[in-house]
Structure formats: structure tokens, C-alpha cells
């Protein structure tokens, strides 16, 4: 006999489970617990919930509606967190923008996503204003997070006033969890960034993976120093912490002295940093004199942690449980984790797939390859993004044969541990930031003296991978590496500008004329002959 189920009541909110509900539930469970600390401001979960409601009502009163896009262009602060959740309550899509981008890059993202609103930190106003001048249809709502007593520029509203809106009742209508809730722009491998569209279903599945495989708990006291425009800090650490009812200490940036002081003062138990920041912490004079015994769980990602640094962390903080996290924006972002017990046994490994992700390594025909054979890393599961915003062609290319194609090359060992070998399409990860080599190459090709250019990532003690360029000059042309670095700096964000440039007579190529970047890496090592950016 076939079992039957009576129809559920026609109530869209009956099974509501979205990003807009996340803080509400923690506030119901832990109303008086400290949820968020920024500077001298401390929010309980009750106060955070109320402030999110006020901000959501203010945005609603200013015409922001479900499905509209609102960009956040700011360094870390409490308003950023509040406005992110306020937008989710309205079903509007937040669009975080990297605060290191220049005006043209910001303008592209605003235009591409069709932003209805733009919220900007005061120190970034000049860049935002220049970006708006480049748009045929700029956002109609512009909010400024002021940090001074300067007068508001014409056409801008004080965004912090929105947090004081008189209506405290939740405006949250049920938003289906499969609907888009955010667009995260990722550099990818093309010259223009792609907008990865994420839903509440994607993100909440990913939070569960983080919590289970990252051994996260509501008793954690977490320090968040990396930028919230980046999916790792926002979605692998801050949001899971708020989901669990943990206490979250937010810093405006990753200043080592400030981080070490806050770890000691707040008795922080949990910290995520890319290897470059962990190295900076270890080398800071305060590392030895601060009481860091409270730190129990440490996470790193974005690039491989050098073996000596893993050993040093374990020696200097013997009670620390260390995790390597690997993923990408399109995975919301976590895909695999290397657990503490495997850090030395599986040095260089990205670990195993997390609970909500299946991962394979496949050949050019998307057939799984056996352990020990390199191929492209592909994933599937509820964490995989919905697709790329307004780009069906790239979405179709990424979603082939039922799997998301990461563009990374990797290999599994016999025990099922993944090692990431290289970026299939020449992605560079410098200091934890994605840099598309093609984007930098296109800028170099704009220089009148440059005939050919190739951009690669080279090992670097500070950046782990340094953006490095090799160029061939046009016949009779003259320039220097320093001049080319300056040329790039005027046209690219600082983290994309080459740290080193070398001028060659020719670039290594195969018989078909393809530049051999692996051979180029060997040719440029050691980097002593390169011109270094000051």
C-alpha cells in the first residue's frame, strides 16, 4: 500500500529556514549572550536582533524590495553585519564589493548586477563616487557610513541612521530558501569577475558542513579580522558562529598587534587566517609576550601553509587544533577540510570532502581518475551555487554532467585525501586574494612598449604567491620593470599589481605557440633578477 500524506497548511512560513532567520533563532535561545563586539560596542543577541529589524524596516521604507541588489562597499564594521542580515530579511540580494578595487572595477560590478542600492564606508566614498559617474543607470539609494563630522555629500543618506529606525518589529516575510539571497563576485580566470549567486539553502548547508567538520560550537569566542567581502570570513566563520550563538569579535582589519591584543583581552578561542597572516602573527614581537593560551582552534586556507609554519604553530601553541580549509566562492565556499590529526601526516593536503560535498577528480572527458592520477577537481551537493549572475554561458560551462567544475587541478591519494596541484586556468592566490592572470596581462598589453606578457604566481615568503610578470618588449622600445609596475598600479587594485617584473628576450612556448608557464616559473627562479615593487 502506498503511504499518503495529508496536504500541509498553505503557509509559506511553516518551514521557513533562511539567512534572515539565523540571528532570530539565536536571539530566542541566547537573548542576553554577547553576539557581536566591534570596538567599544557590544551587542547581545537580543540587541543585534532588534537592530537588524530596525535596519530592515529603514531599507524597506526607502523602497528596497525582494530580489533587488544592494552593494556593500566597506571595511569590517558592525553596520556591515547588521545590514547584511537586514537585506536578507527583506529577500534583497547583498552584493559585497572588495574595498581594494578601483573605481572602474567597482563600476563594473554595480552595473553588472544592476544594483538598486549602494552602501559605502566614508573612507571609500571617493572611489564609489568615481564609480557612480561611470554608470548610465546608477543605484537610486546611496547610503554612507560616516566616520567623521563632515557634511553628507549631495545625494547620499547617513546609513547609520537606518540602524535607529523607530520600527523594531520584524519585517521579514518568508523567503523561499532556494531563492537567491546574495551575489559574491569572484575573480575567476577571466578579465572580468563573475557573480556567484547563492541561496539560503546553499549557505545553510555550508554552515552545517563548517560546524561539523570544523568542530565549531556555540561556546566559541571567535575573532574575525579578515574582510567580510570575502566568502571565507563571512560564510565559513562569522555566520556559522552567529548561527550557533557564539560570541564574535570583529576587527576592521588584520593588524597583527591588534589581533594579538584582542585574543588575550577577549580570551578568544577560535581564529581563521590565511598563511600570510599566521606568519605575520608568529613574527610579531607581541606573540611571545601575550597570553594566547585561550586559543584552541585555528584555521587556515586560500593557499598552502609552509611546513615549517605548521610545525612552529604546534610547538608555540601546543594545545591548538589546526584545520586546513579549502574551497571557493561557488561552493559557498567550503569543500574539504584537513583535520588537526592529519596536519603533519598529510602535509600539503587539502583533506577530505566535508559532510555536504561530494568531490571527484576527473579527466578531460569528465571520467573519474584513480588515486595518484591528476585531473580537474569537481564537486556536487547542496552547497553548489545557483549559477553565475546574467551569464548562462559560463554557468553551463561550469555545470557539466551533473558536477560543478572548479578549474583547479588535484589528485587523490589512496586514503581519499585531496591535494590541490595547480589552478587549471592560471589563477593566482596572493595573500589570500584571487588574481586572474589574464586581467593583469591585458593591462600590460596596454603599454605601448609591451609586445608579449605572461603573468604567474611565484613563491614568496610574505604573500605565499606573488603576482609576477614577464614581458617581451616591442622592437626598438624601451622601458623598465619599475615603470611597468607603476603603469599597472594606476590601472589595477594594489593586490593585483605585479610585485615583480622581469623583461625577457622571449617567452618560453611550445610548438603551437602556447606560453609554457610552468617553464617560465622555473626560468624566473630565483627571483633576484626581477624588478620588485617598492
Protein backbone atom coordinates (compact mmCIF):
# COMPACT_ATOMS: atom_id res chain seq x y z
CA UNK A 1 0.00 0.00 0.00
CA UNK A 2 1.37 3.42 -0.96
CA UNK A 3 1.60 5.71 2.08
CA UNK A 4 -0.08 9.07 1.78
CA UNK A 5 0.48 12.42 3.46
CA UNK A 6 -2.22 14.96 4.06
CA UNK A 7 -1.51 18.34 2.49
CA UNK A 8 0.23 20.79 4.83
CA UNK A 9 -1.43 24.13 5.54
CA UNK A 10 -0.89 26.68 2.79
CA UNK A 11 1.52 28.75 4.89
CA UNK A 12 4.79 29.76 3.23
CA UNK A 13 6.34 30.41 6.62
CA UNK A 14 5.63 26.97 8.08
CA UNK A 15 9.09 25.59 7.21
CA UNK A 16 10.96 28.88 6.98
CA UNK A 17 14.69 28.38 7.10
CA UNK A 18 16.67 31.22 5.59
CA UNK A 19 19.53 33.57 6.31
CA UNK A 20 17.00 36.10 7.59
CA UNK A 21 16.02 33.66 10.36
CA UNK A 22 19.52 32.87 11.54
CA UNK A 23 20.04 35.60 14.18
CA UNK A 24 16.37 35.47 15.24
CA UNK A 25 16.73 31.89 16.39
CA UNK A 26 19.96 32.55 18.25
CA UNK A 27 18.32 35.57 19.91
CA UNK A 28 15.45 33.38 21.09
CA UNK A 29 17.87 30.85 22.57
CA UNK A 30 20.52 33.22 23.97
CA UNK A 31 18.97 36.71 24.28
CA UNK A 32 21.47 38.07 26.82
CA UNK A 33 24.62 36.48 25.46
CA UNK A 34 27.16 38.73 23.69
CA UNK A 35 26.77 38.14 19.97
CA UNK A 36 28.95 40.79 18.32
CA UNK A 37 31.74 43.07 19.52
CA UNK A 38 33.14 45.89 17.41
CA UNK A 39 35.41 48.42 19.12
CA UNK A 40 33.67 49.54 22.30
CA UNK A 41 30.22 48.46 21.04
CA UNK A 42 28.88 45.16 22.34
CA UNK A 43 25.60 43.66 21.08
CA UNK A 44 23.69 40.95 22.89
CA UNK A 45 21.76 38.61 20.63
CA UNK A 46 18.57 40.43 21.64
CA UNK A 47 20.05 43.83 20.75
CA UNK A 48 21.51 42.54 17.49
CA UNK A 49 18.12 41.11 16.51
CA UNK A 50 16.36 44.38 17.27
CA UNK A 51 18.93 46.45 15.36
CA UNK A 52 18.66 44.18 12.31
CA UNK A 53 14.88 44.68 12.37
CA UNK A 54 15.28 48.46 12.56
CA UNK A 55 17.69 48.49 9.61
CA UNK A 56 15.42 46.23 7.56
CA UNK A 57 12.44 48.48 8.18
CA UNK A 58 14.50 51.52 7.21
CA UNK A 59 15.58 49.89 3.94
CA UNK A 60 12.01 48.81 3.24
CA UNK A 61 10.79 52.39 3.83
CA UNK A 62 13.34 53.53 1.25
CA UNK A 63 11.96 51.19 -1.38
CA UNK A 64 14.25 48.18 -1.18
CA UNK A 65 12.27 45.11 -2.21
CA UNK A 66 12.69 41.37 -2.51
CA UNK A 67 15.04 40.37 -5.32
CA UNK A 68 16.72 43.79 -5.66
CA UNK A 69 20.50 44.07 -5.34
CA UNK A 70 22.24 46.27 -2.76
CA UNK A 71 26.04 46.54 -2.79
CA UNK A 72 28.13 46.76 0.39
CA UNK A 73 31.43 48.60 -0.14
CA UNK A 74 33.09 48.81 3.25
CA UNK A 75 35.73 47.50 5.56
CA UNK A 76 34.62 45.39 8.50
CA UNK A 77 32.32 47.08 11.00
CA UNK A 78 29.16 46.33 12.98
CA UNK A 79 26.91 48.12 10.48
CA UNK A 80 28.15 45.81 7.70
CA UNK A 81 26.96 42.74 9.63
CA UNK A 82 23.63 44.33 10.55
CA UNK A 83 22.88 45.50 7.01
CA UNK A 84 23.79 42.10 5.56
CA UNK A 85 21.14 40.40 7.70
CA UNK A 86 18.65 43.26 7.23
CA UNK A 87 18.80 42.77 3.47
CA UNK A 88 18.30 39.03 3.89
CA UNK A 89 15.14 39.68 5.94
CA UNK A 90 13.72 41.64 3.01
CA UNK A 91 14.74 39.00 0.47
CA UNK A 92 17.04 41.55 -1.17
CA UNK A 93 20.40 40.35 -2.51
CA UNK A 94 23.51 41.73 -0.82
CA UNK A 95 26.49 42.24 -3.11
CA UNK A 96 29.77 42.58 -1.16
CA UNK A 97 32.48 44.50 -3.04
CA UNK A 98 36.20 44.20 -2.36
CA UNK A 99 37.28 47.53 -0.82
CA UNK A 100 40.65 47.30 -2.61
CA UNK A 101 39.11 47.64 -6.08
CA UNK A 102 39.44 50.83 -8.09
CA UNK A 103 36.55 52.91 -9.43
CA UNK A 104 36.33 51.16 -12.79
CA UNK A 105 36.25 47.74 -11.16
CA UNK A 106 33.56 48.85 -8.71
CA UNK A 107 31.53 50.38 -11.54
CA UNK A 108 31.63 47.10 -13.46
CA UNK A 109 30.16 45.14 -10.53
CA UNK A 110 27.46 47.75 -9.84
CA UNK A 111 26.44 47.81 -13.48
CA UNK A 112 26.63 44.06 -13.99
CA UNK A 113 24.38 43.20 -11.05
CA UNK A 114 22.05 46.16 -11.65
CA UNK A 115 22.46 47.44 -8.10
CA UNK A 116 19.41 49.28 -6.74
CA UNK A 117 21.31 50.43 -3.64
CA UNK A 118 24.90 51.13 -2.59
CA UNK A 119 26.18 51.38 0.99
CA UNK A 120 29.68 52.82 1.34
CA UNK A 121 32.10 53.45 4.20
CA UNK A 122 33.14 57.12 4.27
CA UNK A 123 36.82 56.39 3.63
CA UNK A 124 35.81 54.73 0.33
CA UNK A 125 33.45 57.49 -0.80
CA UNK A 126 35.82 58.98 -3.40
CA UNK A 127 36.21 55.62 -5.15
CA UNK A 128 32.45 54.98 -5.00
CA UNK A 129 31.62 58.45 -6.32
CA UNK A 130 34.01 57.98 -9.25
CA UNK A 131 32.42 54.59 -9.96
CA UNK A 132 28.92 56.08 -9.98
CA UNK A 133 29.95 58.64 -12.59
CA UNK A 134 30.75 55.78 -14.96
CA UNK A 135 27.26 54.24 -14.79
CA UNK A 136 24.41 55.01 -17.14
CA UNK A 137 21.92 53.79 -14.50
CA UNK A 138 23.46 54.28 -11.04
CA UNK A 139 21.81 52.99 -7.84
CA UNK A 140 18.92 55.13 -6.67
CA UNK A 141 19.65 54.64 -2.95
CA UNK A 142 23.13 55.59 -1.72
CA UNK A 143 23.98 55.29 1.96
CA UNK A 144 27.19 56.50 3.59
CA UNK A 145 28.65 55.03 6.79
CA UNK A 146 30.20 58.23 8.12
CA UNK A 147 33.22 58.21 10.42
CA UNK A 148 33.65 61.98 10.76
CA UNK A 149 31.66 65.17 11.24
CA UNK A 150 31.95 66.03 7.56
CA UNK A 151 28.75 67.07 5.81
CA UNK A 152 26.91 64.42 3.84
CA UNK A 153 27.64 64.66 0.10
CA UNK A 154 24.68 65.57 -2.06
CA UNK A 155 22.53 62.58 -2.93
CA UNK A 156 23.77 60.44 -0.04
CA UNK A 157 21.97 59.38 3.16
CA UNK A 158 23.52 58.60 6.55
CA UNK A 159 23.34 54.81 6.62
CA UNK A 160 23.92 54.52 10.35
CA UNK A 161 20.68 56.40 10.92
CA UNK A 162 18.92 53.42 9.38
CA UNK A 163 20.01 51.34 12.39
CA UNK A 164 17.94 53.68 14.61
CA UNK A 165 14.66 53.35 12.70
CA UNK A 166 11.74 53.55 15.17
CA UNK A 167 10.01 50.37 13.99
CA UNK A 168 11.54 47.37 15.75
CA UNK A 169 9.09 44.67 14.61
CA UNK A 170 10.50 42.16 12.16
CA UNK A 171 9.51 42.96 8.55
CA UNK A 172 10.63 39.53 7.47
CA UNK A 173 8.25 37.82 5.05
CA UNK A 174 9.11 34.19 4.34
CA UNK A 175 11.67 33.97 1.55
CA UNK A 176 11.93 30.51 -0.04
CA UNK A 177 15.32 29.03 0.80
CA UNK A 178 16.04 28.21 -2.84
CA UNK A 179 15.75 31.87 -3.90
CA UNK A 180 18.90 33.96 -4.47
CA UNK A 181 19.98 35.83 -1.34
CA UNK A 182 23.46 37.06 -2.29
CA UNK A 183 25.82 37.64 -5.22
CA UNK A 184 29.50 37.13 -4.43
CA UNK A 185 31.80 38.34 -7.19
CA UNK A 186 34.81 36.15 -7.81
CA UNK A 187 37.80 36.94 -9.99
CA UNK A 188 37.70 33.59 -11.73
CA UNK A 189 40.14 33.30 -14.61
CA UNK A 190 38.62 35.84 -16.95
CA UNK A 191 39.45 39.54 -17.12
CA UNK A 192 36.08 40.40 -15.58
CA UNK A 193 34.72 38.97 -12.30
CA UNK A 194 31.77 36.58 -12.26
CA UNK A 195 28.84 36.91 -9.85
CA UNK A 196 28.26 33.66 -7.98
CA UNK A 197 24.59 33.55 -6.93
CA UNK A 198 23.98 31.93 -3.54
CA UNK A 199 20.72 30.94 -1.89
CA UNK A 200 19.87 30.37 1.76
CA UNK A 201 19.80 26.64 1.02
CA UNK A 202 23.37 26.79 -0.31
CA UNK A 203 24.63 28.78 2.65
CA UNK A 204 22.86 26.90 5.43
CA UNK A 205 24.09 23.57 4.05
CA UNK A 206 27.58 25.03 4.02
CA UNK A 207 27.24 26.30 7.60
CA UNK A 208 26.36 22.77 8.68
CA UNK A 209 29.48 21.47 6.93
CA UNK A 210 31.62 24.10 8.67
CA UNK A 211 30.11 23.31 12.07
CA UNK A 212 30.51 19.53 11.74
CA UNK A 213 33.88 19.26 10.01
CA UNK A 214 35.33 22.39 11.61
CA UNK A 215 34.32 21.29 15.13
CA UNK A 216 32.55 24.60 15.77
CA UNK A 217 30.48 25.29 18.88
CA UNK A 218 28.23 27.88 20.46
CA UNK A 219 30.80 28.20 23.25
CA UNK A 220 33.40 29.58 20.82
CA UNK A 221 34.74 33.11 21.17
CA UNK A 222 35.78 33.99 17.64
CA UNK A 223 38.00 36.73 16.23
CA UNK A 224 37.12 37.93 12.72
CA UNK A 225 39.87 40.08 11.21
CA UNK A 226 39.77 39.15 7.52
CA UNK A 227 37.43 41.16 5.26
CA UNK A 228 33.74 40.28 5.21
CA UNK A 229 33.51 40.90 1.45
CA UNK A 230 35.37 37.59 1.22
CA UNK A 231 33.21 34.47 1.43
CA UNK A 232 35.62 32.64 3.76
CA UNK A 233 35.41 35.08 6.68
CA UNK A 234 31.71 35.84 6.18
CA UNK A 235 30.33 32.40 5.39
CA UNK A 236 32.79 29.88 6.80
CA UNK A 237 33.27 31.63 10.14
CA UNK A 238 31.13 34.68 11.09
CA UNK A 239 27.73 33.36 10.01
CA UNK A 240 28.22 29.84 11.42
CA UNK A 241 29.25 31.48 14.69
CA UNK A 242 26.08 33.58 14.80
CA UNK A 243 24.04 30.53 13.80
CA UNK A 244 25.39 28.64 16.82
CA UNK A 245 25.11 31.51 19.28
CA UNK A 246 28.87 32.04 19.64
CA UNK A 247 30.50 35.36 20.61
CA UNK A 248 32.07 37.17 17.65
CA UNK A 249 34.82 39.79 17.96
CA UNK A 250 35.03 41.85 14.76
CA UNK A 251 38.11 43.86 13.77
CA UNK A 252 38.39 46.38 10.91
CA UNK A 253 41.43 44.58 9.52
CA UNK A 254 44.18 42.04 10.12
CA UNK A 255 46.64 44.15 12.10
CA UNK A 256 48.87 41.65 14.00
CA UNK A 257 49.34 43.80 17.12
CA UNK A 258 45.62 44.47 17.42
CA UNK A 259 44.73 40.82 16.77
CA UNK A 260 47.10 39.55 19.45
CA UNK A 261 45.86 42.12 21.95
CA UNK A 262 42.22 41.18 21.31
CA UNK A 263 42.94 37.44 21.57
CA UNK A 264 44.35 37.99 25.03
CA UNK A 265 41.78 40.55 26.21
CA UNK A 266 38.66 38.72 24.96
CA UNK A 267 40.02 35.22 25.64
CA UNK A 268 39.47 34.26 22.02
CA UNK A 269 39.24 30.52 21.38
CA UNK A 270 38.94 30.40 17.59
CA UNK A 271 40.73 32.18 14.71
CA UNK A 272 40.89 31.94 10.92
CA UNK A 273 43.72 33.48 8.87
CA UNK A 274 45.41 32.79 5.55
CA UNK A 275 49.03 31.62 5.93
CA UNK A 276 50.36 35.14 5.27
CA UNK A 277 48.60 36.45 8.40
CA UNK A 278 49.61 33.48 10.54
CA UNK A 279 53.21 34.16 9.56
CA UNK A 280 52.82 37.86 10.45
CA UNK A 281 51.40 36.91 13.87
CA UNK A 282 54.24 34.49 14.59
CA UNK A 283 56.87 37.08 13.64
CA UNK A 284 55.34 39.90 15.71
CA UNK A 285 57.09 40.78 18.97
CA UNK A 286 53.78 40.56 20.87
CA UNK A 287 53.28 36.88 20.02
CA UNK A 288 55.68 35.81 22.75
CA UNK A 289 54.51 38.25 25.43
CA UNK A 290 50.73 37.90 25.03
CA UNK A 291 48.83 35.16 26.84
CA UNK A 292 47.41 33.17 23.93
CA UNK A 293 46.67 30.00 25.89
CA UNK A 294 42.92 30.58 25.33
CA UNK A 295 43.28 29.90 21.59
CA UNK A 296 42.06 26.35 20.98
CA UNK A 297 41.09 26.16 17.29
CA UNK A 298 42.95 27.68 14.34
CA UNK A 299 42.06 27.59 10.65
CA UNK A 300 43.97 28.47 7.51
CA UNK A 301 43.14 28.48 3.82
CA UNK A 302 43.50 30.29 0.47
CA UNK A 303 46.96 28.76 -0.04
CA UNK A 304 49.20 26.02 1.30
CA UNK A 305 50.71 26.61 4.75
CA UNK A 306 54.51 26.14 4.63
CA UNK A 307 55.53 23.05 6.61
CA UNK A 308 57.87 24.98 8.97
CA UNK A 309 54.97 27.28 9.92
CA UNK A 310 52.68 24.32 10.74
CA UNK A 311 55.40 22.89 12.99
CA UNK A 312 56.09 26.26 14.63
CA UNK A 313 52.41 26.86 15.41
CA UNK A 314 52.14 23.44 17.00
CA UNK A 315 55.29 24.00 19.05
CA UNK A 316 54.45 27.50 20.28
CA UNK A 317 50.74 26.78 20.88
CA UNK A 318 50.78 23.08 21.84
CA UNK A 319 47.06 22.94 22.70
CA UNK A 320 45.98 24.31 19.33
CA UNK A 321 43.82 22.26 16.96
CA UNK A 322 44.76 23.27 13.42
CA UNK A 323 42.48 22.91 10.36
CA UNK A 324 43.22 23.49 6.66
CA UNK A 325 40.07 24.60 4.80
CA UNK A 326 39.79 24.50 1.00
CA UNK A 327 37.02 25.67 -1.29
CA UNK A 328 35.86 28.51 -3.48
CA UNK A 329 33.08 31.06 -3.67
CA UNK A 330 30.93 28.86 -5.89
CA UNK A 331 30.87 26.23 -3.10
CA UNK A 332 29.58 28.75 -0.54
CA UNK A 333 32.69 28.26 -0.01
CA UNK A 334 33.92 25.21 2.00
CA UNK A 335 34.60 21.97 0.10
CA UNK A 336 37.27 19.98 2.00
CA UNK A 337 38.95 20.06 5.41
CA UNK A 338 42.25 18.67 6.66
CA UNK A 339 41.73 17.80 10.33
CA UNK A 340 44.21 18.51 13.17
CA UNK A 341 45.34 14.89 13.49
CA UNK A 342 46.42 14.89 9.82
CA UNK A 343 48.33 18.18 9.68
CA UNK A 344 51.78 16.59 9.78
CA UNK A 345 50.81 13.16 8.45
CA UNK A 346 49.29 14.70 5.30
CA UNK A 347 51.36 17.86 4.86
CA UNK A 348 50.22 19.87 1.85
CA UNK A 349 46.88 18.09 1.61
CA UNK A 350 43.51 19.87 1.45
CA UNK A 351 41.93 16.98 3.35
CA UNK A 352 38.67 15.19 2.63
CA UNK A 353 35.28 16.45 1.39
CA UNK A 354 33.01 17.91 4.07
CA UNK A 355 29.70 16.36 5.04
CA UNK A 356 27.55 18.10 2.38
CA UNK A 357 30.01 17.85 -0.53
CA UNK A 358 30.96 15.07 -2.93
CA UNK A 359 34.29 15.60 -4.68
CA UNK A 360 35.91 13.83 -7.60
CA UNK A 361 38.99 14.24 -9.74
CA UNK A 362 38.18 13.77 -13.43
CA UNK A 363 39.91 13.69 -16.79
CA UNK A 364 39.17 15.89 -19.83
CA UNK A 365 36.09 13.77 -20.59
CA UNK A 366 34.75 14.09 -17.01
CA UNK A 367 35.57 10.49 -16.19
CA UNK A 368 36.80 9.82 -12.63
CA UNK A 369 40.52 9.04 -12.46
CA UNK A 370 42.11 6.63 -9.96
CA UNK A 371 44.15 7.77 -6.95
CA UNK A 372 47.53 9.19 -7.87
CA UNK A 373 46.37 10.48 -11.27
CA UNK A 374 45.93 14.28 -11.58
CA UNK A 375 42.78 15.79 -13.03
CA UNK A 376 40.25 18.56 -12.54
CA UNK A 377 38.54 18.82 -9.17
CA UNK A 378 34.72 18.72 -9.43
CA UNK A 379 32.05 18.90 -6.72
CA UNK A 380 28.34 18.40 -6.19
CA UNK A 381 25.93 18.85 -3.29
CA UNK A 382 23.54 21.40 -1.77
CA UNK A 383 26.33 23.95 -1.27
CA UNK A 384 26.92 24.47 -5.00
CA UNK A 385 25.86 27.97 -6.12
CA UNK A 386 22.75 28.53 -8.25
CA UNK A 387 24.85 29.85 -11.14
CA UNK A 388 26.60 33.00 -12.37
CA UNK A 389 24.54 36.18 -12.46
CA UNK A 390 23.49 37.13 -16.00
CA UNK A 391 25.94 34.67 -17.53
CA UNK A 392 24.24 31.48 -18.77
CA UNK A 393 27.22 30.54 -20.92
CA UNK A 394 29.70 30.45 -18.04
CA UNK A 395 27.11 28.74 -15.85
CA UNK A 396 26.63 25.99 -18.44
CA UNK A 397 30.39 25.60 -18.78
CA UNK A 398 30.84 25.21 -15.02
CA UNK A 399 27.87 22.84 -14.57
CA UNK A 400 28.68 19.90 -16.83
CA UNK A 401 27.49 16.34 -16.45
CA UNK A 402 25.95 16.95 -13.04
CA UNK A 403 29.07 18.36 -11.37
CA UNK A 404 30.48 21.80 -10.68
CA UNK A 405 33.88 22.15 -12.35
CA UNK A 406 36.25 24.04 -10.04
CA UNK A 407 39.01 24.82 -12.54
CA UNK A 408 41.54 23.52 -10.01
CA UNK A 409 43.81 20.56 -10.70
CA UNK A 410 44.20 17.97 -7.98
CA UNK A 411 44.94 14.39 -7.09
CA UNK A 412 43.51 11.98 -4.51
CA UNK A 413 45.75 9.63 -2.59
CA UNK A 414 44.83 6.05 -1.67
CA UNK A 415 43.20 7.20 1.59
CA UNK A 416 40.92 9.71 -0.13
CA UNK A 417 42.86 12.86 0.78
CA UNK A 418 42.88 15.59 -1.85
CA UNK A 419 45.96 17.54 -2.87
CA UNK A 420 45.43 20.70 -4.92
CA UNK A 421 48.18 20.85 -7.54
CA UNK A 422 47.56 23.98 -9.56
CA UNK A 423 44.95 26.29 -10.99
CA UNK A 424 43.72 24.88 -14.25
CA UNK A 425 43.33 28.36 -15.71
CA UNK A 426 46.22 30.21 -14.08
CA UNK A 427 44.52 31.66 -11.04
CA UNK A 428 46.96 33.30 -8.63
CA UNK A 429 46.18 33.46 -4.89
CA UNK A 430 48.29 36.25 -3.47
CA UNK A 431 47.93 36.94 0.24
CA UNK A 432 44.62 35.09 0.20
CA UNK A 433 43.18 37.18 -2.68
CA UNK A 434 42.31 35.77 -6.10
CA UNK A 435 44.10 37.41 -9.02
CA UNK A 436 43.26 36.49 -12.61
CA UNK A 437 46.50 36.38 -14.59
CA UNK A 438 44.68 37.31 -17.78
CA UNK A 439 43.35 40.54 -16.26
CA UNK A 440 46.89 41.65 -15.35
CA UNK A 441 48.21 40.58 -18.73
CA UNK A 442 45.59 42.67 -20.52
CA UNK A 443 46.72 45.75 -18.62
CA UNK A 444 50.37 45.11 -19.52
CA UNK A 445 49.38 44.76 -23.17
CA UNK A 446 48.01 48.30 -23.00
CA UNK A 447 51.54 49.64 -22.54
CA UNK A 448 52.95 50.80 -25.88
CA UNK A 449 56.34 49.15 -25.27
CA UNK A 450 54.99 45.66 -24.49
CA UNK A 451 54.83 43.05 -27.23
CA UNK A 452 54.09 39.98 -25.07
CA UNK A 453 53.25 39.42 -21.43
CA UNK A 454 52.76 36.44 -19.15
CA UNK A 455 51.68 36.66 -15.52
CA UNK A 456 52.22 33.88 -13.00
CA UNK A 457 52.29 33.34 -9.25
CA UNK A 458 55.73 32.81 -7.75
CA UNK A 459 56.53 31.53 -4.24
CA UNK A 460 57.00 34.40 -1.82
CA UNK A 461 57.82 34.47 1.90
CA UNK A 462 55.24 37.19 2.61
CA UNK A 463 52.47 36.70 0.03
CA UNK A 464 52.83 32.89 -0.40
CA UNK A 465 52.25 33.62 -4.10
CA UNK A 466 53.45 36.93 -5.55
CA UNK A 467 51.95 38.26 -8.78
CA UNK A 468 54.92 38.15 -11.16
CA UNK A 469 55.09 39.31 -14.78
CA UNK A 470 57.45 38.51 -17.60
CA UNK A 471 57.32 40.76 -20.68
CA UNK A 472 58.92 40.98 -24.10
CA UNK A 473 59.31 44.50 -25.49
CA UNK A 474 58.43 45.68 -28.97
CA UNK A 475 61.40 46.12 -31.32
CA UNK A 476 63.17 49.37 -30.52
CA UNK A 477 61.00 50.08 -27.44
CA UNK A 478 62.49 50.86 -24.06
CA UNK A 479 61.07 50.74 -20.55
CA UNK A 480 61.90 49.31 -17.15
CA UNK A 481 60.28 46.88 -14.78
CA UNK A 482 59.69 49.71 -12.31
CA UNK A 483 57.92 51.78 -14.94
CA UNK A 484 55.69 48.84 -15.87
CA UNK A 485 54.81 48.25 -12.21
CA UNK A 486 53.80 51.91 -11.94
CA UNK A 487 51.73 51.60 -15.12
CA UNK A 488 49.85 48.62 -13.65
CA UNK A 489 49.37 50.32 -10.29
CA UNK A 490 47.44 53.13 -11.98
CA UNK A 491 45.03 50.65 -13.58
CA UNK A 492 44.67 47.81 -11.10
CA UNK A 493 43.90 47.27 -7.44
CA UNK A 494 47.06 47.07 -5.35
CA UNK A 495 46.82 43.32 -4.71
CA UNK A 496 46.60 42.68 -8.48
CA UNK A 497 49.62 44.83 -9.36
CA UNK A 498 52.72 42.69 -10.05
CA UNK A 499 55.15 42.54 -7.16
CA UNK A 500 57.97 41.67 -9.56
CA UNK A 501 58.55 42.16 -13.27
CA UNK A 502 61.31 40.83 -15.48
CA UNK A 503 61.98 41.79 -19.10
CA UNK A 504 62.95 38.84 -21.33
CA UNK A 505 64.06 38.50 -24.91
CA UNK A 506 61.46 35.77 -25.47
CA UNK A 507 58.83 33.81 -23.56
CA UNK A 508 59.03 30.00 -23.45
CA UNK A 509 56.47 28.45 -25.82
CA UNK A 510 55.52 25.09 -27.24
CA UNK A 511 55.33 24.20 -30.91
CA UNK A 512 51.83 25.65 -31.25
CA UNK A 513 52.87 28.98 -29.74
CA UNK A 514 51.30 28.47 -26.30
CA UNK A 515 53.25 30.11 -23.49
CA UNK A 516 54.67 27.48 -21.13
CA UNK A 517 54.02 28.98 -17.74
CA UNK A 518 55.46 26.03 -15.85
CA UNK A 519 58.74 26.54 -17.70
CA UNK A 520 58.51 30.27 -17.08
CA UNK A 521 58.25 29.65 -13.33
CA UNK A 522 61.47 27.65 -13.45
CA UNK A 523 63.14 30.32 -15.58
CA UNK A 524 62.25 33.10 -13.13
CA UNK A 525 63.56 31.27 -10.05
CA UNK A 526 65.40 32.60 -8.19
CA UNK A 527 63.66 35.99 -8.38
CA UNK A 528 66.82 38.05 -7.83
CA UNK A 529 66.81 39.25 -11.44
CA UNK A 530 63.27 40.57 -11.13
CA UNK A 531 62.34 44.17 -10.56
CA UNK A 532 60.48 44.27 -7.23
CA UNK A 533 57.64 46.63 -6.48
CA UNK A 534 58.68 49.12 -3.79
